[in-house]
Amino acid sequence: MDLTSAESKATYEEIKEYVLKQSRLKVSNLYIAQIKQKCGIIERENCNKAKTEDYKQPKCPPEKEMAIIEVLKYFRMI
């Protein structure tokens, strides 16, 4: 039986809980959004954009990136 697109989507809270349970890493919504965008899952444009162009966002560390990717695969989002 195939999953519908709504059934295969996990919330940010579900992703954070699963990453914490599996790899004992705490991840932020920012890191999840960065990895989803990197994987081609762009849901909508951010409405809280920085007002200055030289604003620097923290980048997701590699170990957290791998953990988030594994969770996205688990939830069949990628």
PDB file of N, CA and C in Angstrom:
ATOM      1  N   MET A   1       0.845  -1.176   0.000  1.00  0.00           N
ATOM      2  CA  MET A   1       0.000   0.000   0.000  1.00  0.00           C
ATOM      3  C   MET A   1       0.891   1.240   0.000  1.00  0.00           C
ATOM      4  N   ASP A   2       0.632   2.185  -0.867  1.00  0.00           N
ATOM      5  CA  ASP A   2       1.421   3.409  -0.960  1.00  0.00           C
ATOM      6  C   ASP A   2       0.928   4.427   0.052  1.00  0.00           C
ATOM      7  N   LEU A   3       1.866   5.221   0.531  1.00  0.00           N
ATOM      8  CA  LEU A   3       1.529   6.308   1.438  1.00  0.00           C
ATOM      9  C   LEU A   3       1.147   7.541   0.634  1.00  0.00           C
ATOM     10  N   THR A   4       0.189   8.291   1.146  1.00  0.00           N
ATOM     11  CA  THR A   4      -0.108   9.578   0.518  1.00  0.00           C
ATOM     12  C   THR A   4       0.940  10.573   0.987  1.00  0.00           C
ATOM     13  N   SER A   5       1.041  11.709   0.324  1.00  0.00           N
ATOM     14  CA  SER A   5       2.052  12.696   0.704  1.00  0.00           C
ATOM     15  C   SER A   5       1.806  13.228   2.108  1.00  0.00           C
ATOM     16  N   ALA A   6       0.558  13.325   2.520  1.00  0.00           N
ATOM     17  CA  ALA A   6       0.255  13.808   3.868  1.00  0.00           C
ATOM     18  C   ALA A   6       0.694  12.806   4.928  1.00  0.00           C
ATOM     19  N   GLU A   7       0.577  11.521   4.635  1.00  0.00           N
ATOM     20  CA  GLU A   7       0.964  10.491   5.600  1.00  0.00           C
ATOM     21  C   GLU A   7       2.472  10.379   5.753  1.00  0.00           C
ATOM     22  N   SER A   8       3.214  10.751   4.723  1.00  0.00           N
ATOM     23  CA  SER A   8       4.659  10.594   4.776  1.00  0.00           C
ATOM     24  C   SER A   8       5.374  11.810   5.356  1.00  0.00           C
ATOM     25  N   LYS A   9       4.642  12.841   5.731  1.00  0.00           N
ATOM     26  CA  LYS A   9       5.263  14.036   6.282  1.00  0.00           C
ATOM     27  C   LYS A   9       5.315  13.939   7.802  1.00  0.00           C
ATOM     28  N   ALA A  10       6.489  14.206   8.333  1.00  0.00           N
ATOM     29  CA  ALA A  10       6.657  14.256   9.780  1.00  0.00           C
ATOM     30  C   ALA A  10       6.759  15.722  10.192  1.00  0.00           C
ATOM     31  N   THR A  11       6.261  16.027  11.369  1.00  0.00           N
ATOM     32  CA  THR A  11       6.370  17.393  11.870  1.00  0.00           C
ATOM     33  C   THR A  11       7.795  17.637  12.361  1.00  0.00           C
ATOM     34  N   TYR A  12       8.117  18.893  12.545  1.00  0.00           N
ATOM     35  CA  TYR A  12       9.438  19.239  13.057  1.00  0.00           C
ATOM     36  C   TYR A  12       9.642  18.616  14.440  1.00  0.00           C
ATOM     37  N   GLU A  13       8.595  18.618  15.261  1.00  0.00           N
ATOM     38  CA  GLU A  13       8.699  18.027  16.603  1.00  0.00           C
ATOM     39  C   GLU A  13       8.960  16.523  16.526  1.00  0.00           C
ATOM     40  N   GLU A  14       8.285  15.835  15.612  1.00  0.00           N
ATOM     41  CA  GLU A  14       8.521  14.396  15.442  1.00  0.00           C
ATOM     42  C   GLU A  14       9.955  14.125  14.991  1.00  0.00           C
ATOM     43  N   ILE A  15      10.448  14.952  14.095  1.00  0.00           N
ATOM     44  CA  ILE A  15      11.823  14.794  13.607  1.00  0.00           C
ATOM     45  C   ILE A  15      12.801  15.024  14.751  1.00  0.00           C
ATOM     46  N   LYS A  16      12.597  16.091  15.533  1.00  0.00           N
ATOM     47  CA  LYS A  16      13.478  16.394  16.649  1.00  0.00           C
ATOM     48  C   LYS A  16      13.475  15.267  17.686  1.00  0.00           C
ATOM     49  N   GLU A  17      12.300  14.746  17.999  1.00  0.00           N
ATOM     50  CA  GLU A  17      12.196  13.655  18.974  1.00  0.00           C
ATOM     51  C   GLU A  17      12.909  12.405  18.477  1.00  0.00           C
ATOM     52  N   TYR A  18      12.735  12.079  17.214  1.00  0.00           N
ATOM     53  CA  TYR A  18      13.346  10.868  16.663  1.00  0.00           C
ATOM     54  C   TYR A  18      14.870  10.998  16.608  1.00  0.00           C
ATOM     55  N   VAL A  19      15.372  12.169  16.235  1.00  0.00           N
ATOM     56  CA  VAL A  19      16.826  12.387  16.216  1.00  0.00           C
ATOM     57  C   VAL A  19      17.382  12.242  17.629  1.00  0.00           C
ATOM     58  N   LEU A  20      16.698  12.822  18.606  1.00  0.00           N
ATOM     59  CA  LEU A  20      17.151  12.747  19.989  1.00  0.00           C
ATOM     60  C   LEU A  20      17.159  11.299  20.478  1.00  0.00           C
ATOM     61  N   LYS A  21      16.106  10.564  20.142  1.00  0.00           N
ATOM     62  CA  LYS A  21      16.005   9.162  20.573  1.00  0.00           C
ATOM     63  C   LYS A  21      17.064   8.285  19.903  1.00  0.00           C
ATOM     64  N   GLN A  22      17.306   8.495  18.620  1.00  0.00           N
ATOM     65  CA  GLN A  22      18.225   7.631  17.872  1.00  0.00           C
ATOM     66  C   GLN A  22      19.687   7.988  18.068  1.00  0.00           C
ATOM     67  N   SER A  23      20.002   9.277  18.072  1.00  0.00           N
ATOM     68  CA  SER A  23      21.419   9.661  18.091  1.00  0.00           C
ATOM     69  C   SER A  23      21.799  10.555  19.263  1.00  0.00           C
ATOM     70  N   ARG A  24      20.842  10.827  20.134  1.00  0.00           N
ATOM     71  CA  ARG A  24      21.075  11.652  21.323  1.00  0.00           C
ATOM     72  C   ARG A  24      21.610  13.042  20.992  1.00  0.00           C
ATOM     73  N   LEU A  25      21.194  13.566  19.849  1.00  0.00           N
ATOM     74  CA  LEU A  25      21.561  14.912  19.432  1.00  0.00           C
ATOM     75  C   LEU A  25      20.317  15.790  19.437  1.00  0.00           C
ATOM     76  N   LYS A  26      20.470  17.006  19.922  1.00  0.00           N
ATOM     77  CA  LYS A  26      19.372  17.963  19.846  1.00  0.00           C
ATOM     78  C   LYS A  26      19.565  18.785  18.591  1.00  0.00           C
ATOM     79  N   VAL A  27      18.516  18.875  17.791  1.00  0.00           N
ATOM     80  CA  VAL A  27      18.577  19.656  16.555  1.00  0.00           C
ATOM     81  C   VAL A  27      17.522  20.752  16.607  1.00  0.00           C
ATOM     82  N   SER A  28      17.802  21.845  15.928  1.00  0.00           N
ATOM     83  CA  SER A  28      16.874  22.977  15.909  1.00  0.00           C
ATOM     84  C   SER A  28      16.017  22.924  14.647  1.00  0.00           C
ATOM     85  N   ASN A  29      14.956  23.699  14.672  1.00  0.00           N
ATOM     86  CA  ASN A  29      14.107  23.817  13.487  1.00  0.00           C
ATOM     87  C   ASN A  29      14.902  24.378  12.314  1.00  0.00           C
ATOM     88  N   LEU A  30      15.841  25.284  12.591  1.00  0.00           N
ATOM     89  CA  LEU A  30      16.682  25.859  11.546  1.00  0.00           C
ATOM     90  C   LEU A  30      17.481  24.773  10.839  1.00  0.00           C
ATOM     91  N   TYR A  31      18.100  23.882  11.606  1.00  0.00           N
ATOM     92  CA  TYR A  31      18.897  22.810  11.011  1.00  0.00           C
ATOM     93  C   TYR A  31      18.027  21.874  10.184  1.00  0.00           C
ATOM     94  N   ILE A  32      16.844  21.557  10.688  1.00  0.00           N
ATOM     95  CA  ILE A  32      15.930  20.679   9.940  1.00  0.00           C
ATOM     96  C   ILE A  32      15.541  21.351   8.631  1.00  0.00           C
ATOM     97  N   ALA A  33      15.215  22.633   8.684  1.00  0.00           N
ATOM     98  CA  ALA A  33      14.821  23.372   7.477  1.00  0.00           C
ATOM     99  C   ALA A  33      15.965  23.422   6.469  1.00  0.00           C
ATOM    100  N   GLN A  34      17.195  23.626   6.948  1.00  0.00           N
ATOM    101  CA  GLN A  34      18.346  23.664   6.049  1.00  0.00           C
ATOM    102  C   GLN A  34      18.528  22.332   5.330  1.00  0.00           C
ATOM    103  N   ILE A  35      18.401  21.232   6.055  1.00  0.00           N
ATOM    104  CA  ILE A  35      18.602  19.916   5.455  1.00  0.00           C
ATOM    105  C   ILE A  35      17.450  19.571   4.517  1.00  0.00           C
ATOM    106  N   LYS A  36      16.227  19.929   4.890  1.00  0.00           N
ATOM    107  CA  LYS A  36      15.091  19.688   3.998  1.00  0.00           C
ATOM    108  C   LYS A  36      15.271  20.449   2.691  1.00  0.00           C
ATOM    109  N   GLN A  37      15.737  21.692   2.783  1.00  0.00           N
ATOM    110  CA  GLN A  37      15.960  22.484   1.573  1.00  0.00           C
ATOM    111  C   GLN A  37      17.084  21.868   0.746  1.00  0.00           C
ATOM    112  N   LYS A  38      18.135  21.405   1.409  1.00  0.00           N
ATOM    113  CA  LYS A  38      19.259  20.776   0.717  1.00  0.00           C
ATOM    114  C   LYS A  38      18.816  19.507  -0.024  1.00  0.00           C
ATOM    115  N   CYS A  39      17.821  18.813   0.537  1.00  0.00           N
ATOM    116  CA  CYS A  39      17.303  17.583  -0.072  1.00  0.00           C
ATOM    117  C   CYS A  39      16.190  17.856  -1.080  1.00  0.00           C
ATOM    118  N   GLY A  40      15.869  19.128  -1.300  1.00  0.00           N
ATOM    119  CA  GLY A  40      14.854  19.471  -2.288  1.00  0.00           C
ATOM    120  C   GLY A  40      13.444  19.541  -1.743  1.00  0.00           C
ATOM    121  N   ILE A  41      13.295  19.520  -0.434  1.00  0.00           N
ATOM    122  CA  ILE A  41      11.972  19.624   0.183  1.00  0.00           C
ATOM    123  C   ILE A  41      11.793  21.075   0.610  1.00  0.00           C
ATOM    124  N   ILE A  42      11.278  21.895  -0.285  1.00  0.00           N
ATOM    125  CA  ILE A  42      11.072  23.315   0.012  1.00  0.00           C
ATOM    126  C   ILE A  42       9.575  23.519   0.154  1.00  0.00           C
ATOM    127  N   GLU A  43       9.148  23.784   1.381  1.00  0.00           N
ATOM    128  CA  GLU A  43       7.720  23.887   1.641  1.00  0.00           C
ATOM    129  C   GLU A  43       7.169  25.277   1.350  1.00  0.00           C
ATOM    130  N   ARG A  44       7.878  26.288   1.829  1.00  0.00           N
ATOM    131  CA  ARG A  44       7.465  27.663   1.570  1.00  0.00           C
ATOM    132  C   ARG A  44       8.623  28.584   1.905  1.00  0.00           C
ATOM    133  N   GLU A  45       8.522  29.807   1.461  1.00  0.00           N
ATOM    134  CA  GLU A  45       9.588  30.763   1.728  1.00  0.00           C
ATOM    135  C   GLU A  45       9.476  31.280   3.155  1.00  0.00           C
ATOM    136  N   ASN A  46      10.613  31.524   3.756  1.00  0.00           N
ATOM    137  CA  ASN A  46      10.662  32.016   5.121  1.00  0.00           C
ATOM    138  C   ASN A  46      10.128  33.442   5.186  1.00  0.00           C
ATOM    139  N   CYS A  47       9.214  33.679   6.108  1.00  0.00           N
ATOM    140  CA  CYS A  47       8.650  35.019   6.252  1.00  0.00           C
ATOM    141  C   CYS A  47       9.470  35.877   7.214  1.00  0.00           C
ATOM    142  N   ASN A  48      10.411  35.282   7.933  1.00  0.00           N
ATOM    143  CA  ASN A  48      11.234  36.014   8.898  1.00  0.00           C
ATOM    144  C   ASN A  48      12.645  36.232   8.360  1.00  0.00           C
ATOM    145  N   LYS A  49      12.723  36.788   7.188  1.00  0.00           N
ATOM    146  CA  LYS A  49      14.028  37.015   6.572  1.00  0.00           C
ATOM    147  C   LYS A  49      14.783  38.124   7.290  1.00  0.00           C
ATOM    148  N   ALA A  50      16.104  38.017   7.252  1.00  0.00           N
ATOM    149  CA  ALA A  50      16.943  39.041   7.865  1.00  0.00           C
ATOM    150  C   ALA A  50      16.804  40.354   7.100  1.00  0.00           C
ATOM    151  N   LYS A  51      16.863  41.437   7.831  1.00  0.00           N
ATOM    152  CA  LYS A  51      16.711  42.739   7.197  1.00  0.00           C
ATOM    153  C   LYS A  51      18.010  43.209   6.542  1.00  0.00           C
ATOM    154  N   THR A  52      19.127  42.696   7.005  1.00  0.00           N
ATOM    155  CA  THR A  52      20.412  43.053   6.409  1.00  0.00           C
ATOM    156  C   THR A  52      20.930  41.901   5.566  1.00  0.00           C
ATOM    157  N   GLU A  53      21.711  42.232   4.574  1.00  0.00           N
ATOM    158  CA  GLU A  53      22.230  41.206   3.669  1.00  0.00           C
ATOM    159  C   GLU A  53      23.415  40.459   4.244  1.00  0.00           C
ATOM    160  N   ASP A  54      24.111  41.069   5.231  1.00  0.00           N
ATOM    161  CA  ASP A  54      25.312  40.436   5.760  1.00  0.00           C
ATOM    162  C   ASP A  54      25.028  39.544   6.971  1.00  0.00           C
ATOM    163  N   TYR A  55      23.763  39.235   7.231  1.00  0.00           N
ATOM    164  CA  TYR A  55      23.387  38.359   8.334  1.00  0.00           C
ATOM    165  C   TYR A  55      23.859  36.936   8.042  1.00  0.00           C
ATOM    166  N   LYS A  56      24.511  36.320   9.019  1.00  0.00           N
ATOM    167  CA  LYS A  56      25.034  34.970   8.829  1.00  0.00           C
ATOM    168  C   LYS A  56      24.276  33.988   9.709  1.00  0.00           C
ATOM    169  N   GLN A  57      23.692  32.981   9.088  1.00  0.00           N
ATOM    170  CA  GLN A  57      23.002  31.926   9.812  1.00  0.00           C
ATOM    171  C   GLN A  57      23.987  30.840  10.200  1.00  0.00           C
ATOM    172  N   PRO A  58      23.795  30.234  11.369  1.00  0.00           N
ATOM    173  CA  PRO A  58      24.646  29.094  11.699  1.00  0.00           C
ATOM    174  C   PRO A  58      24.331  27.921  10.768  1.00  0.00           C
ATOM    175  N   LYS A  59      25.363  27.208  10.374  1.00  0.00           N
ATOM    176  CA  LYS A  59      25.194  26.053   9.486  1.00  0.00           C
ATOM    177  C   LYS A  59      25.093  24.782  10.311  1.00  0.00           C
ATOM    178  N   CYS A  60      24.347  23.839   9.822  1.00  0.00           N
ATOM    179  CA  CYS A  60      24.145  22.558  10.493  1.00  0.00           C
ATOM    180  C   CYS A  60      25.454  21.767  10.498  1.00  0.00           C
ATOM    181  N   PRO A  61      25.893  21.304  11.680  1.00  0.00           N
ATOM    182  CA  PRO A  61      27.105  20.474  11.747  1.00  0.00           C
ATOM    183  C   PRO A  61      26.899  19.144  11.023  1.00  0.00           C
ATOM    184  N   PRO A  62      27.971  18.568  10.475  1.00  0.00           N
ATOM    185  CA  PRO A  62      27.847  17.327   9.692  1.00  0.00           C
ATOM    186  C   PRO A  62      27.193  16.167  10.436  1.00  0.00           C
ATOM    187  N   GLU A  63      27.492  15.992  11.736  1.00  0.00           N
ATOM    188  CA  GLU A  63      26.905  14.859  12.468  1.00  0.00           C
ATOM    189  C   GLU A  63      25.397  15.028  12.637  1.00  0.00           C
ATOM    190  N   LYS A  64      24.948  16.260  12.811  1.00  0.00           N
ATOM    191  CA  LYS A  64      23.512  16.507  12.918  1.00  0.00           C
ATOM    192  C   LYS A  64      22.848  16.384  11.550  1.00  0.00           C
ATOM    193  N   GLU A  65      23.545  16.797  10.507  1.00  0.00           N
ATOM    194  CA  GLU A  65      23.019  16.670   9.146  1.00  0.00           C
ATOM    195  C   GLU A  65      22.746  15.200   8.817  1.00  0.00           C
ATOM    196  N   MET A  66      23.701  14.331   9.138  1.00  0.00           N
ATOM    197  CA  MET A  66      23.522  12.899   8.851  1.00  0.00           C
ATOM    198  C   MET A  66      22.352  12.321   9.649  1.00  0.00           C
ATOM    199  N   ALA A  67      22.213  12.745  10.912  1.00  0.00           N
ATOM    200  CA  ALA A  67      21.115  12.254  11.744  1.00  0.00           C
ATOM    201  C   ALA A  67      19.764  12.696  11.185  1.00  0.00           C
ATOM    202  N   ILE A  68      19.674  13.939  10.736  1.00  0.00           N
ATOM    203  CA  ILE A  68      18.421  14.450  10.172  1.00  0.00           C
ATOM    204  C   ILE A  68      18.097  13.732   8.868  1.00  0.00           C
ATOM    205  N   ILE A  69      19.092  13.496   8.036  1.00  0.00           N
ATOM    206  CA  ILE A  69      18.871  12.780   6.773  1.00  0.00           C
ATOM    207  C   ILE A  69      18.340  11.378   7.040  1.00  0.00           C
ATOM    208  N   GLU A  70      18.896  10.698   8.030  1.00  0.00           N
ATOM    209  CA  GLU A  70      18.414   9.356   8.375  1.00  0.00           C
ATOM    210  C   GLU A  70      16.954   9.381   8.809  1.00  0.00           C
ATOM    211  N   VAL A  71      16.575  10.400   9.571  1.00  0.00           N
ATOM    212  CA  VAL A  71      15.183  10.516  10.018  1.00  0.00           C
ATOM    213  C   VAL A  71      14.259  10.821   8.844  1.00  0.00           C
ATOM    214  N   LEU A  72      14.710  11.681   7.933  1.00  0.00           N
ATOM    215  CA  LEU A  72      13.890  11.977   6.757  1.00  0.00           C
ATOM    216  C   LEU A  72      13.687  10.722   5.910  1.00  0.00           C
ATOM    217  N   LYS A  73      14.706   9.889   5.833  1.00  0.00           N
ATOM    218  CA  LYS A  73      14.566   8.616   5.122  1.00  0.00           C
ATOM    219  C   LYS A  73      13.607   7.691   5.861  1.00  0.00           C
ATOM    220  N   TYR A  74      13.708   7.661   7.186  1.00  0.00           N
ATOM    221  CA  TYR A  74      12.821   6.823   8.001  1.00  0.00           C
ATOM    222  C   TYR A  74      11.361   7.197   7.776  1.00  0.00           C
ATOM    223  N   PHE A  75      11.081   8.499   7.730  1.00  0.00           N
ATOM    224  CA  PHE A  75       9.722   8.976   7.503  1.00  0.00           C
ATOM    225  C   PHE A  75       9.333   9.018   6.029  1.00  0.00           C
ATOM    226  N   ARG A  76      10.209   8.503   5.164  1.00  0.00           N
ATOM    227  CA  ARG A  76       9.978   8.433   3.707  1.00  0.00           C
ATOM    228  C   ARG A  76       9.715   9.807   3.090  1.00  0.00           C
ATOM    229  N   MET A  77      10.441  10.781   3.585  1.00  0.00           N
ATOM    230  CA  MET A  77      10.310  12.128   3.028  1.00  0.00           C
ATOM    231  C   MET A  77      11.342  12.340   1.920  1.00  0.00           C
ATOM    232  N   ILE A  78      12.396  11.517   1.919  1.00  0.00           N
ATOM    233  CA  ILE A  78      13.385  11.542   0.838  1.00  0.00           C
ATOM    234  C   ILE A  78      13.674  10.112   0.441  1.00  0.00           C
TER     235      ILE A  78
END
